[in-house]
Protein backbone atom coordinates (compact mmCIF):
# COMPACT_ATOMS: atom_id res chain seq x y z
CA MET A 1 6.27 13.44 -13.41
CA ASN A 2 10.02 13.60 -13.40
CA GLU A 3 10.13 17.25 -12.32
CA ASN A 4 7.91 16.75 -9.28
CA LYS A 5 9.53 16.57 -5.88
CA ASN A 6 9.22 13.21 -4.17
CA TYR A 7 7.57 14.53 -1.02
CA ASP A 8 6.70 10.96 -0.04
CA ALA A 9 10.37 10.15 0.55
CA ALA A 10 11.97 13.54 1.04
CA PHE A 11 9.62 15.06 3.58
CA CYS A 12 6.27 13.49 4.45
CA GLY A 13 7.77 10.02 4.75
CA ASN A 14 10.05 11.11 7.59
CA LEU A 15 7.37 12.37 10.00
CA ALA A 16 6.97 10.25 13.15
CA ILE A 17 3.17 9.95 13.00
CA HIS A 18 3.26 6.88 15.27
CA GLN A 19 4.65 8.99 18.12
CA THR A 20 2.03 11.72 18.36
CA ASN A 21 1.91 11.33 22.18
CA SER A 22 -1.79 12.20 22.11
CA ILE A 23 -5.14 10.58 21.31
CA GLN A 24 -8.50 11.43 19.75
CA ASP A 25 -11.33 12.23 22.13
CA TYR A 26 -13.63 9.25 21.52
CA GLY A 27 -11.71 7.11 24.00
CA TYR A 28 -9.17 6.93 26.80
CA LEU A 29 -5.75 5.35 27.09
CA ILE A 30 -3.94 3.65 29.97
CA VAL A 31 -0.39 2.26 29.91
CA ALA A 32 0.58 -0.21 32.64
CA ASP A 33 3.73 -2.06 33.61
CA ILE A 34 3.32 -5.66 32.49
CA GLU A 35 5.04 -6.96 35.64
CA ASN A 36 2.94 -5.31 38.35
CA LEU A 37 -0.02 -3.81 36.40
CA GLU A 38 0.66 -0.36 37.82
CA ILE A 39 -0.25 2.63 35.66
CA VAL A 40 2.81 4.40 34.23
CA GLN A 41 1.10 6.68 31.71
CA GLY A 42 -2.37 7.80 30.68
CA SER A 43 -4.34 10.22 28.54
CA GLU A 44 -5.28 13.56 30.10
CA ASN A 45 -9.01 12.90 29.61
CA LEU A 46 -8.98 9.93 32.01
CA GLU A 47 -10.34 12.20 34.71
CA LEU A 48 -13.62 12.19 32.80
CA ILE A 49 -14.14 8.56 33.87
CA CYS A 50 -11.84 8.41 36.92
CA SER A 51 -12.91 11.58 38.74
CA LYS A 52 -9.26 12.46 39.39
CA PRO A 53 -6.45 14.00 37.31
CA VAL A 54 -4.23 11.63 35.36
CA ARG A 55 -1.13 12.67 37.33
CA GLU A 56 -2.77 11.19 40.46
CA LEU A 57 -3.29 7.87 38.67
CA ILE A 58 0.39 7.22 38.03
CA GLY A 59 1.48 4.28 40.21
CA THR A 60 -2.12 3.16 40.78
CA HIS A 61 -2.83 -0.55 40.36
CA LEU A 62 -5.37 -1.60 37.72
CA SER A 63 -7.32 -3.39 40.46
CA GLU A 64 -8.71 0.03 41.45
CA PHE A 65 -10.70 0.06 38.22
CA PHE A 66 -11.25 -3.59 37.27
CA THR A 67 -12.47 -6.60 39.22
CA ALA A 68 -10.29 -9.56 40.17
CA ALA A 69 -12.12 -11.71 37.63
CA GLN A 70 -11.46 -9.18 34.87
CA LEU A 71 -7.78 -8.90 35.76
CA SER A 72 -7.55 -12.70 35.81
CA GLU A 73 -8.93 -12.73 32.26
CA LEU A 74 -6.42 -10.05 31.28
CA ARG A 75 -3.50 -11.99 32.80
CA LYS A 76 -4.48 -15.14 30.88
CA GLU A 77 -4.19 -13.21 27.62
CA MET A 78 -0.91 -11.62 28.74
CA ALA A 79 0.52 -15.08 29.45
CA ARG A 80 0.16 -15.92 25.77
CA GLY A 81 2.87 -13.40 24.91
CA PRO A 82 3.03 -10.13 22.97
CA ARG A 83 -0.04 -9.50 20.80
CA ASN A 84 -2.11 -6.56 19.63
CA ARG A 85 -5.80 -5.70 19.47
CA VAL A 86 -7.04 -8.19 22.09
CA PRO A 87 -10.69 -7.21 22.83
CA PHE A 88 -12.38 -7.17 26.24
CA SER A 89 -15.81 -6.06 27.47
CA PHE A 90 -15.25 -4.90 31.04
CA SER A 91 -16.86 -2.63 33.61
CA PHE A 92 -14.75 0.34 34.67
CA ASN A 93 -15.08 1.22 38.37
CA ASN A 94 -15.31 4.97 38.95
CA ASP A 95 -15.70 5.40 42.72
CA GLY A 96 -18.27 2.62 42.89
CA ILE A 97 -20.05 3.55 39.66
CA LEU A 98 -19.58 0.79 37.06
CA ILE A 99 -19.18 2.05 33.51
CA PRO A 100 -19.49 -0.54 30.70
CA VAL A 101 -16.44 -0.20 28.43
CA ASN A 102 -14.91 -1.88 25.40
CA ILE A 103 -11.16 -2.33 25.57
CA LEU A 104 -8.50 -3.14 23.01
CA CYS A 105 -5.40 -4.40 24.77
CA HIS A 106 -1.95 -4.26 23.15
CA ILE A 107 0.41 -6.61 24.95
CA LYS A 108 4.09 -5.72 24.59
CA SER A 109 7.14 -7.35 26.16
CA ASP A 110 7.37 -4.79 28.97
CA LEU A 111 4.03 -2.96 29.09
CA ILE A 112 0.38 -3.15 28.11
CA ILE A 113 -1.66 -0.45 26.41
CA LEU A 114 -5.41 -0.30 27.09
CA GLU A 115 -7.57 1.61 24.61
CA ILE A 116 -10.86 2.24 26.40
CA GLU A 117 -14.18 3.33 24.92
CA LYS A 118 -17.49 3.70 26.73
CA ASP A 119 -20.03 1.13 25.64
CA ASP A 120 -22.79 3.59 24.77
CA GLU A 121 -24.01 1.47 21.89
CA GLU A 122 -27.33 -0.15 21.16
CA PRO A 123 -27.80 -3.67 22.53
CA GLU A 124 -25.16 -5.95 21.04
CA ARG A 125 -26.30 -7.96 18.06
CA SER A 126 -26.03 -11.71 18.19
CA PHE A 127 -23.12 -13.42 16.47
CA SER A 128 -25.56 -15.02 14.02
CA ALA A 129 -26.90 -11.59 13.02
CA VAL A 130 -23.39 -10.23 12.46
CA PHE A 131 -22.31 -13.37 10.62
CA GLN A 132 -25.38 -13.19 8.39
CA GLU A 133 -24.45 -9.64 7.37
CA VAL A 134 -20.86 -10.60 6.63
CA ARG A 135 -21.88 -13.83 4.90
CA SER A 136 -24.15 -11.87 2.58
CA PHE A 137 -21.18 -9.63 1.77
CA ILE A 138 -18.96 -12.65 1.08
CA SER A 139 -21.61 -14.19 -1.19
CA THR A 140 -21.65 -10.97 -3.20
CA LEU A 141 -17.87 -11.12 -3.60
CA GLU A 142 -17.95 -14.80 -4.56
CA ASN A 143 -20.27 -13.96 -7.45
CA THR A 144 -17.84 -11.44 -8.93
CA ALA A 145 -15.48 -12.57 -11.67
CA SER A 146 -13.21 -9.62 -12.38
CA LEU A 147 -11.05 -7.35 -10.25
CA GLN A 148 -13.15 -4.33 -11.18
CA ASP A 149 -16.37 -6.12 -10.23
CA ILE A 150 -14.90 -7.01 -6.82
CA CYS A 151 -13.90 -3.40 -6.16
CA GLU A 152 -17.30 -2.03 -7.18
CA ALA A 153 -19.19 -4.66 -5.18
CA SER A 154 -16.99 -4.02 -2.13
CA ILE A 155 -17.57 -0.28 -1.97
CA HIS A 156 -21.30 -0.74 -2.65
CA GLU A 157 -21.68 -3.18 0.24
CA ILE A 158 -19.57 -1.12 2.63
CA ARG A 159 -21.61 1.99 1.86
CA ARG A 160 -24.82 0.03 2.41
CA ILE A 161 -23.60 -1.15 5.83
CA THR A 162 -22.01 2.09 7.04
CA GLY A 163 -24.09 4.84 5.48
CA PHE A 164 -21.01 6.94 4.63
CA ASP A 165 -21.65 9.68 2.07
CA GLY A 166 -18.87 8.39 -0.14
CA ILE A 167 -16.72 5.30 -0.59
CA ARG A 168 -13.73 5.08 -2.91
CA MET A 169 -11.32 2.28 -3.78
CA TYR A 170 -7.74 3.42 -4.32
CA ARG A 171 -5.16 1.19 -5.99
CA PHE A 172 -1.46 1.93 -5.52
CA ASP A 173 1.00 1.86 -8.41
CA LYS A 174 4.70 0.97 -8.20
CA ASP A 175 5.51 4.52 -7.03
CA TRP A 176 2.70 4.45 -4.41
CA ASN A 177 0.50 6.94 -6.22
CA GLY A 178 -3.13 5.94 -5.64
CA THR A 179 -5.73 5.87 -8.41
CA VAL A 180 -9.47 5.84 -7.67
CA ILE A 181 -10.73 2.77 -9.54
CA ALA A 182 -14.24 2.56 -8.03
CA GLU A 183 -16.47 5.11 -6.34
CA GLU A 184 -19.93 5.65 -4.84
CA ILE A 185 -20.74 9.14 -3.56
CA GLU A 186 -23.68 11.41 -2.86
CA GLY A 187 -24.39 14.92 -1.68
CA GLU A 188 -21.61 17.49 -1.56
CA LEU A 189 -18.67 15.15 -2.21
CA GLU A 190 -16.77 15.61 -5.46
CA SER A 191 -16.16 12.72 -7.83
CA TYR A 192 -12.54 11.57 -8.13
CA LEU A 193 -13.14 8.44 -10.19
CA GLY A 194 -10.18 7.80 -12.49
CA GLN A 195 -8.02 10.42 -10.78
CA THR A 196 -4.59 9.71 -9.31
CA PHE A 197 -3.35 11.09 -5.98
CA PRO A 198 0.39 11.49 -5.27
CA ALA A 199 2.15 9.10 -2.91
CA SER A 200 2.63 11.85 -0.33
CA ASP A 201 -1.14 11.83 0.31
CA VAL A 202 -0.62 8.46 2.04
CA PRO A 203 3.09 8.77 2.84
CA ARG A 204 5.50 5.96 3.52
CA GLN A 205 5.12 5.79 7.31
CA ALA A 206 1.29 5.92 7.02
CA ARG A 207 1.37 2.97 4.62
CA ALA A 208 3.56 1.11 7.11
CA LEU A 209 0.90 1.63 9.78
CA TYR A 210 -1.77 0.16 7.50
CA ILE A 211 0.30 -3.02 7.36
CA LYS A 212 -0.26 -3.27 11.12
CA ASN A 213 -3.83 -1.97 11.32
CA PRO A 214 -6.80 -3.04 9.17
CA PHE A 215 -8.50 0.35 9.39
CA ARG A 216 -8.11 3.96 10.52
CA LEU A 217 -11.10 5.86 11.96
CA ILE A 218 -11.39 9.62 12.39
CA PRO A 219 -14.97 10.25 13.58
CA ASP A 220 -14.59 14.03 13.72
CA ARG A 221 -11.77 16.05 12.24
CA ASN A 222 -12.52 18.79 14.80
CA TYR A 223 -11.92 16.46 17.74
CA LYS A 224 -10.18 17.64 20.90
CA SER A 225 -6.72 16.13 21.24
CA TYR A 226 -5.65 14.79 24.63
CA LYS A 227 -1.97 14.41 25.49
CA LEU A 228 -0.37 11.55 27.36
CA PHE A 229 1.01 12.12 30.86
CA PRO A 230 3.83 11.97 31.60
CA VAL A 231 5.25 12.92 28.22
CA ILE A 232 8.11 10.43 28.52
CA ASN A 233 7.14 6.82 29.18
CA SER A 234 9.13 5.60 32.19
CA ILE A 235 9.50 2.07 30.77
CA THR A 236 10.57 2.90 27.21
CA ASN A 237 12.32 6.16 28.22
CA GLY A 238 10.80 7.86 25.18
CA PHE A 239 7.56 8.72 23.45
CA LEU A 240 5.06 5.87 23.47
CA ASP A 241 4.77 4.01 20.16
CA LEU A 242 1.07 4.31 19.25
CA SER A 243 1.37 2.44 15.95
CA ASP A 244 -1.21 -0.17 16.92
CA CYS A 245 -3.72 2.16 18.55
CA ASN A 246 -7.00 3.20 16.94
CA LEU A 247 -7.16 6.26 19.19
CA ARG A 248 -3.82 7.64 17.99
CA SER A 249 -4.25 11.33 17.19
CA VAL A 250 -4.03 12.62 13.64
CA ALA A 251 -1.34 14.81 12.08
CA GLY A 252 -2.58 18.37 11.64
CA VAL A 253 -1.76 18.32 7.94
CA HIS A 254 -4.12 15.37 7.43
CA LEU A 255 -6.93 17.21 9.23
CA GLU A 256 -6.30 20.14 6.87
CA TYR A 257 -6.41 17.70 3.98
CA MET A 258 -9.82 16.45 5.14
CA ALA A 259 -11.09 20.01 5.47
CA ASN A 260 -9.93 20.82 1.94
CA MET A 261 -11.91 17.81 0.70
CA HIS A 262 -14.95 19.05 2.70
CA VAL A 263 -14.88 15.86 4.77
CA ALA A 264 -15.70 15.82 8.51
CA ALA A 265 -15.27 12.09 9.21
CA SER A 266 -13.29 9.37 7.51
CA MET A 267 -12.41 5.71 7.74
CA SER A 268 -9.81 3.93 5.65
CA ILE A 269 -9.78 0.16 5.23
CA ARG A 270 -6.66 -1.54 3.94
CA VAL A 271 -6.54 -4.03 1.07
CA MET A 272 -3.61 -6.45 1.20
CA VAL A 273 -2.27 -8.75 -1.50
CA GLY A 274 0.11 -11.15 0.17
CA ASP A 275 2.18 -9.16 2.64
CA ALA A 276 1.98 -5.95 0.61
CA LEU A 277 -0.45 -3.04 0.75
CA TRP A 278 -2.38 -3.13 -2.54
CA GLY A 279 -4.87 -0.36 -1.96
CA LEU A 280 -7.24 1.43 0.39
CA ILE A 281 -10.99 1.74 0.69
CA SER A 282 -11.60 5.32 1.77
CA CYS A 283 -14.91 6.21 3.47
CA HIS A 284 -15.88 9.88 3.78
CA HIS A 285 -18.74 11.72 5.47
CA THR A 286 -19.56 15.43 5.35
CA HIS A 287 -20.59 15.41 9.02
CA PRO A 288 -19.02 13.76 12.10
CA LYS A 289 -19.71 10.03 12.15
CA TYR A 290 -18.79 7.60 14.91
CA LEU A 291 -18.76 3.85 14.28
CA SER A 292 -19.32 1.40 17.11
CA THR A 293 -16.57 -1.00 18.13
CA GLU A 294 -18.72 -3.86 16.82
CA SER A 295 -18.95 -2.17 13.41
CA ARG A 296 -15.21 -1.72 13.35
CA PHE A 297 -14.66 -5.41 14.11
CA ILE A 298 -16.95 -6.18 11.17
CA PHE A 299 -14.81 -3.99 8.90
CA GLU A 300 -11.69 -5.71 10.12
CA TRP A 301 -13.34 -8.94 8.99
CA LEU A 302 -14.43 -7.41 5.68
CA SER A 303 -10.89 -6.15 5.06
CA LEU A 304 -9.66 -9.74 5.25
CA GLU A 305 -12.40 -11.01 2.93
CA ILE A 306 -11.88 -8.28 0.32
CA SER A 307 -8.11 -8.77 0.44
CA TYR A 308 -8.53 -12.53 0.07
CA ARG A 309 -10.87 -12.20 -2.92
CA ILE A 310 -8.69 -9.64 -4.71
CA SER A 311 -5.58 -11.72 -4.01
CA SER A 312 -7.30 -14.81 -5.38
CA VAL A 313 -8.32 -13.14 -8.65
CA ILE A 314 -4.89 -11.56 -9.13
CA GLN A 315 -3.21 -14.91 -8.48
CA GLN A 316 -5.48 -16.68 -10.98
CA GLU A 317 -4.74 -14.03 -13.59
CA GLN A 318 -1.01 -14.25 -12.93
CA LEU A 319 -1.06 -18.05 -13.16
CA ALA A 320 -2.86 -17.90 -16.50
CA VAL A 321 -0.40 -15.32 -17.86
CA SER A 322 2.59 -17.23 -16.48
CA ALA A 323 1.43 -20.47 -18.07
CA HIS A 324 1.08 -18.73 -21.45
CA LEU A 325 4.49 -17.06 -21.15
CA LEU A 326 6.20 -20.28 -20.09
CA LYS A 327 4.79 -21.93 -23.20
CA LEU A 328 6.21 -19.11 -25.34
CA LYS A 329 9.60 -19.37 -23.62
CA ALA A 330 9.65 -23.11 -24.29
CA SER A 331 9.02 -22.37 -27.98
CA VAL A 332 11.91 -19.89 -28.03
CA THR A 333 14.38 -22.34 -26.45
CA GLU A 334 13.17 -25.27 -28.58
CA ASN A 335 13.67 -23.23 -31.72
CA ILE A 336 17.24 -22.37 -30.69
CA PHE A 337 17.90 -26.06 -30.01
CA SER A 338 16.44 -27.16 -33.32
CA LYS A 339 18.46 -24.56 -35.28
CA GLY A 340 21.57 -25.26 -33.22
CA ASP A 341 22.27 -21.53 -33.20
CA VAL A 342 21.15 -18.63 -30.99
CA VAL A 343 20.80 -16.04 -33.74
CA LYS A 344 19.04 -18.34 -36.23
CA GLY A 345 16.78 -19.67 -33.50
CA LEU A 346 15.65 -16.15 -32.61
CA ILE A 347 15.64 -14.49 -36.03
CA GLU A 348 14.25 -17.35 -38.14
CA ASP A 349 11.13 -17.79 -36.03
CA GLU A 350 8.00 -17.40 -38.13
CA ASN A 351 5.81 -17.08 -35.02
CA GLN A 352 7.99 -14.36 -33.47
CA ASN A 353 7.73 -16.05 -30.10
CA LEU A 354 10.32 -13.74 -28.52
CA ASN A 355 8.28 -10.63 -29.40
CA GLN A 356 5.21 -12.28 -27.88
CA LEU A 357 7.13 -13.45 -24.82
CA PHE A 358 8.29 -9.96 -23.88
CA ASN A 359 5.48 -7.99 -25.54
CA CYS A 360 8.03 -6.07 -27.58
CA SER A 361 7.84 -4.53 -31.05
CA GLY A 362 11.31 -5.66 -32.09
CA PHE A 363 14.64 -7.02 -30.89
CA ALA A 364 18.31 -7.10 -31.85
CA VAL A 365 21.00 -9.68 -31.19
CA ASN A 366 24.68 -8.81 -31.09
CA LEU A 367 26.76 -11.99 -31.13
CA LYS A 368 30.50 -12.03 -31.84
CA GLY A 369 30.31 -8.50 -33.26
CA LYS A 370 27.49 -9.25 -35.73
CA ILE A 371 24.17 -7.48 -35.28
CA SER A 372 20.88 -9.06 -36.41
CA SER A 373 17.41 -7.69 -35.76
CA VAL A 374 13.69 -8.34 -36.20
CA GLY A 375 10.79 -5.88 -36.11
CA LEU A 376 10.86 -2.24 -35.05
CA VAL A 377 14.38 -1.33 -33.89
CA PRO A 378 16.60 1.81 -33.98
CA GLU A 379 18.54 2.63 -37.13
CA GLU A 380 21.86 0.82 -37.68
CA GLU A 381 24.13 3.60 -36.36
CA GLU A 382 21.81 4.26 -33.43
CA LEU A 383 21.76 0.55 -32.64
CA GLU A 384 25.54 0.27 -32.75
CA SER A 385 25.93 3.21 -30.35
CA LEU A 386 23.30 1.77 -28.03
CA LEU A 387 25.06 -1.58 -27.97
CA LEU A 388 28.36 0.10 -27.09
CA TRP A 389 26.62 1.92 -24.23
CA ALA A 390 24.91 -1.28 -23.07
CA GLU A 391 28.18 -3.19 -23.19
CA GLY A 392 29.59 -0.76 -20.66
CA LYS A 393 26.53 -0.90 -18.41
CA VAL A 394 25.56 -4.57 -18.23
CA PHE A 395 27.66 -7.00 -16.23
CA GLY A 396 26.07 -10.37 -16.80
CA ASN A 397 22.65 -9.42 -15.40
CA VAL A 398 19.31 -8.66 -17.02
CA PHE A 399 18.67 -4.92 -17.26
CA ALA A 400 15.37 -3.18 -18.01
CA SER A 401 14.11 0.38 -18.34
CA ASN A 402 10.82 1.82 -19.54
CA GLU A 403 12.37 5.27 -19.91
CA LEU A 404 15.55 4.87 -21.99
CA GLY A 405 15.90 8.60 -22.70
CA GLU A 406 16.36 9.32 -18.99
CA ILE A 407 19.42 7.08 -18.70
CA TYR A 408 20.79 7.32 -22.26
CA GLU A 409 20.55 10.78 -23.82
CA GLU A 410 20.72 9.61 -27.44
CA GLY A 411 17.69 7.39 -26.83
CA LYS A 412 15.42 10.46 -26.71
CA SER A 413 15.75 10.85 -30.50
CA TYR A 414 14.08 7.49 -31.17
CA LYS A 415 11.70 7.18 -28.23
CA ASP A 416 8.87 6.23 -30.63
CA VAL A 417 10.85 3.02 -31.31
CA ALA A 418 12.73 2.33 -28.10
CA SER A 419 11.44 4.09 -25.00
CA GLY A 420 11.64 0.70 -23.32
CA ILE A 421 14.58 -1.72 -23.47
CA LEU A 422 15.21 -5.14 -21.99
CA ILE A 423 18.84 -6.25 -22.17
CA ILE A 424 19.65 -9.96 -21.81
CA PRO A 425 23.30 -11.09 -21.92
CA VAL A 426 23.77 -13.99 -24.33
CA SER A 427 27.17 -15.26 -23.15
CA GLY A 428 30.09 -14.39 -20.93
CA ASN A 429 31.34 -11.97 -23.58
CA ARG A 430 30.25 -8.47 -22.50
CA GLY A 431 29.29 -7.49 -26.04
CA ASP A 432 27.05 -10.50 -26.71
CA LEU A 433 23.61 -9.11 -25.98
CA LEU A 434 19.95 -9.56 -26.82
CA ILE A 435 17.98 -6.28 -26.61
CA CYS A 436 14.17 -6.14 -26.80
CA PHE A 437 12.46 -2.82 -27.58
CA ARG A 438 9.15 -1.26 -26.66
CA PRO A 439 7.85 1.96 -28.26
CA GLU A 440 6.74 5.08 -26.44
CA ARG A 441 3.26 4.89 -24.92
CA ILE A 442 1.99 8.42 -24.46
CA ARG A 443 -0.44 8.49 -21.56
CA ASP A 444 -2.49 11.00 -19.65
CA ILE A 445 -2.58 11.02 -15.85
CA LYS A 446 -5.61 12.67 -14.28
CA TRP A 447 -4.23 13.97 -11.00
CA GLY A 448 -6.47 14.94 -8.11
CA GLY A 449 -4.92 18.39 -7.89
CA ASP A 450 -1.52 19.60 -9.07
CA PRO A 451 1.04 17.01 -7.84
CA ASN A 452 3.70 19.73 -7.88
CA GLN A 453 1.69 21.41 -5.12
CA ALA A 454 1.16 18.22 -3.09
CA ILE A 455 2.47 20.09 -0.08
CA ASN A 456 3.13 23.78 0.51
CA LEU A 457 6.07 24.52 2.79
CA GLU A 458 6.09 27.58 5.00
CA LYS A 459 9.10 29.89 5.16
CA ASP A 460 10.65 27.96 8.04
CA GLY A 461 11.01 24.94 5.73
CA LEU A 462 9.53 22.70 8.42
CA SER A 463 5.81 23.45 8.68
CA TYR A 464 3.68 22.60 5.67
CA HIS A 465 0.12 22.41 4.41
CA PRO A 466 -1.63 20.16 1.91
CA ARG A 467 -2.80 21.49 -1.44
CA ASN A 468 -6.04 23.46 -1.34
CA SER A 469 -7.53 22.18 -4.57
CA PHE A 470 -8.28 18.69 -5.81
CA LYS A 471 -9.46 19.98 -9.16
CA LEU A 472 -8.52 17.73 -12.08
CA TRP A 473 -4.93 18.42 -13.16
CA LEU A 474 -3.94 16.68 -16.40
CA GLU A 475 -0.38 15.53 -17.05
CA THR A 476 0.71 13.98 -20.34
CA VAL A 477 3.67 11.63 -19.98
CA TYR A 478 6.06 11.19 -22.90
CA GLY A 479 9.15 9.05 -23.41
CA GLN A 480 7.97 6.02 -21.47
CA SER A 481 6.97 2.56 -22.58
CA GLU A 482 4.92 0.00 -20.74
CA ILE A 483 6.74 -1.18 -17.63
CA TRP A 484 8.53 -4.51 -17.75
CA ASN A 485 6.71 -6.47 -15.07
CA GLU A 486 8.17 -8.86 -12.52
CA THR A 487 7.09 -12.00 -14.40
CA GLU A 488 8.77 -10.78 -17.59
CA LEU A 489 11.98 -9.99 -15.73
CA GLU A 490 12.00 -13.44 -14.13
CA LEU A 491 11.54 -15.04 -17.55
CA ALA A 492 14.29 -12.84 -18.96
CA GLU A 493 16.64 -14.08 -16.23
CA SER A 494 15.62 -17.67 -16.96
CA LEU A 495 16.28 -17.13 -20.69
CA ARG A 496 19.66 -15.58 -19.84
CA ASN A 497 20.62 -18.72 -17.91
CA PHE A 498 19.60 -20.87 -20.87
CA LEU A 499 21.55 -18.74 -23.37
CA PHE A 500 24.67 -18.81 -21.18
CA GLN A 501 24.51 -22.58 -20.89
CA PHE A 502 23.75 -23.06 -24.60
CA SER A 503 26.64 -20.77 -25.60
CA ALA A 504 29.01 -22.62 -23.26
CA ASP A 505 27.96 -26.01 -24.67
CA GLN A 506 28.46 -24.76 -28.22
CA GLN A 507 32.05 -23.73 -27.38
CA PHE A 508 32.96 -27.24 -26.27
CA ASN A 509 31.19 -29.05 -29.13
């Protein structure tokens, strides 16, 4: 996809979606000074529960709406320092009429943000009932052995609990494109299983917000947006940062995107591996669908459990692979020791441990101007030219590429042999190199719509719209090998250190 524009970085990734200065209509928002608990900002729809316009609320103390006991509870939480998503079940006083509300409080260093929703739900379930539901989910995950099984079980259970028309699990690749690896849908929703969506569909700043927030709920894409008043927050002297708020309004382009997918309501649940965003569970409904605050707390819990289980399986797989590769590396170094020579140790290895270690089809060693090779490598003249190029590019560090032809023009003529290269310096001499080769791996990418039309800019160059079609768009990728993964690069660096030390010892012996 080399010709495609990187909308994720060049355009979509620069939009300030955390500073929308407006909220969705399923709740209300109050901002208060942390020192005196006076209101400094609020959403325009507050008059629906306050019986007075928001501009008349500025400077009002929170005690007008909450009891002394409730404010005491709030202050206790504030005393614990800045935190987000602190839940409260309060009664909101509207001229003597008490309205049960659920509140999420975001405690900052200089202000607090209160996200308020009316408690119009069914009687609250007991903790044991909620725990039983989650425990059943966890038991299902514990009985899954593979990553794919976990993903399929997760979306099945979430669909059972929520009743969404469709649930999909997206996994991000190194370029942040998301591939649908598991799916359950019904009704009018189209199947996207196996299709890949460009990174700009969940752009950089949106992914950053998922690091902070376990889920994102849009109950109705046709919601009425309510602005904050005043526009400029008097404490921050700028737009309010709504990064942590569930109620934060949605960029118009995303609402268009939902409409083009024939989706009226959506919820996205993050999947984390370590501190990194690994994927998303996307829930779609063809009609508006509101989820109770209790349900959303459950999904926050489930997000943690799914992330933990996926992380655990990935870690186990990585440990098993690492153990195997470390054993192969030990065989490579032992062979060099036993032969007393780098070239002989690598070339005269009946088990071809180096090829196994780096999953390569061949390698070449250039030591003191002499070239030796094993397996599938470029022709002699091609290899000599490549080594001259590599000598000018590598400065004592490991270098890897899975697309040689893009950085070295001559490499395009033998991409079937060497689309991928891993260069490991052997000594302090710039020309002493070990190069491992991987052949071209032609692959098809099933895009969910033409990635070249990920966004459509208007004539002003500023406004844009998402693509209208998600119809399967097939791209065949040539000239690339399998990617050299992080574990392989770490082992290559470790081998480089060994080769440097061995070469230095040989000089002094």
